[in-house]
Amino acid sequence: MTIPIRNTVFDKIKEAGSLTDVELYKILTKEGFAITEARFNKILLDLEILGLIKVSWITKDERRIEVFLEEIEVDEVDEQNKEMMEKDYEASFPGFEK
């Protein structure tokens, strides 16, 4: 079973963290992945739509590609509620002392 080219492209971007589309295309070509420019752009678009990468223009002919890291916001009230529910659950067992 082969790995889809989209996964390979994402792995290369993730390894580098941030690179240009020209650099990425050279890396893929060097490793033996012969893809057309249209297919390359479609893969980048798909990854951006999925929320995995961020693509921004640097110059007229060059784009910056970065891994998009979503920050997970922790709600303190939800955390406190979860802790209280766990304590209430544990306390509901007879003979349990903490």
C-alpha atoms as a PDB file:
ATOM      1  CA  MET A   1       0.000   0.000   0.000  1.00  0.00           C
ATOM      2  CA  THR A   2       1.447   3.347  -0.987  1.00  0.00           C
ATOM      3  CA  ILE A   3       1.313   6.558   0.976  1.00  0.00           C
ATOM      4  CA  PRO A   4      -0.638   9.324  -0.791  1.00  0.00           C
ATOM      5  CA  ILE A   5       1.538  12.147  -2.121  1.00  0.00           C
ATOM      6  CA  ARG A   6      -0.454  14.605   0.013  1.00  0.00           C
ATOM      7  CA  ASN A   7       0.800  12.886   3.184  1.00  0.00           C
ATOM      8  CA  THR A   8       4.363  12.943   1.886  1.00  0.00           C
ATOM      9  CA  VAL A   9       4.114  16.663   1.101  1.00  0.00           C
ATOM     10  CA  PHE A  10       2.717  17.390   4.566  1.00  0.00           C
ATOM     11  CA  ASP A  11       5.492  15.352   6.205  1.00  0.00           C
ATOM     12  CA  LYS A  12       8.140  17.365   4.319  1.00  0.00           C
ATOM     13  CA  ILE A  13       6.537  20.638   5.407  1.00  0.00           C
ATOM     14  CA  LYS A  14       6.282  19.416   9.002  1.00  0.00           C
ATOM     15  CA  GLU A  15       9.973  18.401   9.019  1.00  0.00           C
ATOM     16  CA  ALA A  16      11.046  21.826   7.779  1.00  0.00           C
ATOM     17  CA  GLY A  17       8.523  23.801   9.813  1.00  0.00           C
ATOM     18  CA  SER A  18       8.559  26.633   7.298  1.00  0.00           C
ATOM     19  CA  LEU A  19       9.804  26.791   3.718  1.00  0.00           C
ATOM     20  CA  THR A  20       8.957  28.268   0.334  1.00  0.00           C
ATOM     21  CA  ASP A  21       7.024  26.488  -2.394  1.00  0.00           C
ATOM     22  CA  VAL A  22      10.138  26.529  -4.593  1.00  0.00           C
ATOM     23  CA  GLU A  23      12.194  24.792  -1.889  1.00  0.00           C
ATOM     24  CA  LEU A  24       9.455  22.218  -1.292  1.00  0.00           C
ATOM     25  CA  TYR A  25       9.102  21.467  -5.000  1.00  0.00           C
ATOM     26  CA  LYS A  26      12.895  20.970  -5.268  1.00  0.00           C
ATOM     27  CA  ILE A  27      12.882  18.606  -2.272  1.00  0.00           C
ATOM     28  CA  LEU A  28      10.087  16.523  -3.771  1.00  0.00           C
ATOM     29  CA  THR A  29      11.739  16.397  -7.185  1.00  0.00           C
ATOM     30  CA  LYS A  30      15.083  15.424  -5.636  1.00  0.00           C
ATOM     31  CA  GLU A  31      13.412  12.531  -3.790  1.00  0.00           C
ATOM     32  CA  GLY A  32      11.836  11.209  -6.994  1.00  0.00           C
ATOM     33  CA  PHE A  33       8.295  12.576  -6.791  1.00  0.00           C
ATOM     34  CA  ALA A  34       7.525  13.876 -10.272  1.00  0.00           C
ATOM     35  CA  ILE A  35       4.332  15.909  -9.997  1.00  0.00           C
ATOM     36  CA  THR A  36       3.003  18.657 -12.192  1.00  0.00           C
ATOM     37  CA  GLU A  37       2.758  22.228 -10.963  1.00  0.00           C
ATOM     38  CA  ALA A  38      -1.036  22.057 -11.112  1.00  0.00           C
ATOM     39  CA  ARG A  39      -1.081  18.892  -8.960  1.00  0.00           C
ATOM     40  CA  PHE A  40       1.413  20.495  -6.551  1.00  0.00           C
ATOM     41  CA  ASN A  41      -0.836  23.557  -6.170  1.00  0.00           C
ATOM     42  CA  LYS A  42      -3.893  21.317  -5.670  1.00  0.00           C
ATOM     43  CA  ILE A  43      -2.115  19.421  -2.888  1.00  0.00           C
ATOM     44  CA  LEU A  44      -1.152  22.679  -1.158  1.00  0.00           C
ATOM     45  CA  LEU A  45      -4.730  23.931  -1.477  1.00  0.00           C
ATOM     46  CA  ASP A  46      -6.133  20.694  -0.045  1.00  0.00           C
ATOM     47  CA  LEU A  47      -3.761  20.836   2.927  1.00  0.00           C
ATOM     48  CA  GLU A  48      -4.667  24.469   3.546  1.00  0.00           C
ATOM     49  CA  ILE A  49      -8.395  23.723   3.390  1.00  0.00           C
ATOM     50  CA  LEU A  50      -7.908  20.896   5.883  1.00  0.00           C
ATOM     51  CA  GLY A  51      -6.269  23.420   8.218  1.00  0.00           C
ATOM     52  CA  LEU A  52      -2.912  21.646   8.294  1.00  0.00           C
ATOM     53  CA  ILE A  53      -0.780  24.343   6.653  1.00  0.00           C
ATOM     54  CA  LYS A  54      -0.803  28.078   6.042  1.00  0.00           C
ATOM     55  CA  VAL A  55       0.270  29.455   2.653  1.00  0.00           C
ATOM     56  CA  SER A  56       1.085  33.131   2.191  1.00  0.00           C
ATOM     57  CA  TRP A  57       2.610  35.062  -0.687  1.00  0.00           C
ATOM     58  CA  ILE A  58       6.151  36.434  -0.238  1.00  0.00           C
ATOM     59  CA  THR A  59       6.722  37.739  -3.743  1.00  0.00           C
ATOM     60  CA  LYS A  60       4.852  37.537  -7.016  1.00  0.00           C
ATOM     61  CA  ASP A  61       6.278  34.082  -7.762  1.00  0.00           C
ATOM     62  CA  GLU A  62       7.051  32.669  -4.318  1.00  0.00           C
ATOM     63  CA  ARG A  63       4.911  31.491  -1.399  1.00  0.00           C
ATOM     64  CA  ARG A  64       5.765  30.760   2.238  1.00  0.00           C
ATOM     65  CA  ILE A  65       4.391  27.447   3.526  1.00  0.00           C
ATOM     66  CA  GLU A  66       4.119  26.848   7.268  1.00  0.00           C
ATOM     67  CA  VAL A  67       2.624  24.170   9.462  1.00  0.00           C
ATOM     68  CA  PHE A  68      -0.516  25.518  11.097  1.00  0.00           C
ATOM     69  CA  LEU A  69      -0.558  24.778  14.811  1.00  0.00           C
ATOM     70  CA  GLU A  70      -3.919  25.289  16.451  1.00  0.00           C
ATOM     71  CA  GLU A  71      -3.689  26.453  20.026  1.00  0.00           C
ATOM     72  CA  ILE A  72      -6.098  24.619  22.250  1.00  0.00           C
ATOM     73  CA  GLU A  73      -7.696  26.972  24.727  1.00  0.00           C
ATOM     74  CA  VAL A  74      -8.235  25.573  28.212  1.00  0.00           C
ATOM     75  CA  ASP A  75     -11.288  26.867  30.026  1.00  0.00           C
ATOM     76  CA  GLU A  76     -10.606  27.107  33.770  1.00  0.00           C
ATOM     77  CA  VAL A  77     -14.273  26.795  34.717  1.00  0.00           C
ATOM     78  CA  ASP A  78     -14.643  23.587  32.704  1.00  0.00           C
ATOM     79  CA  GLU A  79     -11.508  22.172  34.330  1.00  0.00           C
ATOM     80  CA  GLN A  80     -12.831  22.989  37.817  1.00  0.00           C
ATOM     81  CA  ASN A  81     -16.200  21.419  36.966  1.00  0.00           C
ATOM     82  CA  LYS A  82     -14.487  18.279  35.703  1.00  0.00           C
ATOM     83  CA  GLU A  83     -12.415  18.010  38.903  1.00  0.00           C
ATOM     84  CA  MET A  84     -15.519  18.465  41.090  1.00  0.00           C
ATOM     85  CA  MET A  85     -17.409  15.805  39.133  1.00  0.00           C
ATOM     86  CA  GLU A  86     -14.509  13.372  39.565  1.00  0.00           C
ATOM     87  CA  LYS A  87     -14.358  14.066  43.309  1.00  0.00           C
ATOM     88  CA  ASP A  88     -18.130  13.633  43.647  1.00  0.00           C
ATOM     89  CA  TYR A  89     -17.970  10.363  41.714  1.00  0.00           C
ATOM     90  CA  GLU A  90     -15.147   9.024  43.896  1.00  0.00           C
ATOM     91  CA  ALA A  91     -16.928  10.147  47.052  1.00  0.00           C
ATOM     92  CA  SER A  92     -20.093   8.289  46.005  1.00  0.00           C
ATOM     93  CA  PHE A  93     -18.443   4.943  46.746  1.00  0.00           C
ATOM     94  CA  PRO A  94     -18.987   3.790  50.335  1.00  0.00           C
ATOM     95  CA  GLY A  95     -15.851   3.484  52.421  1.00  0.00           C
ATOM     96  CA  PHE A  96     -13.767   5.677  50.117  1.00  0.00           C
ATOM     97  CA  GLU A  97     -11.590   8.204  51.892  1.00  0.00           C
ATOM     98  CA  LYS A  98      -9.139  10.525  50.356  1.00  0.00           C
END
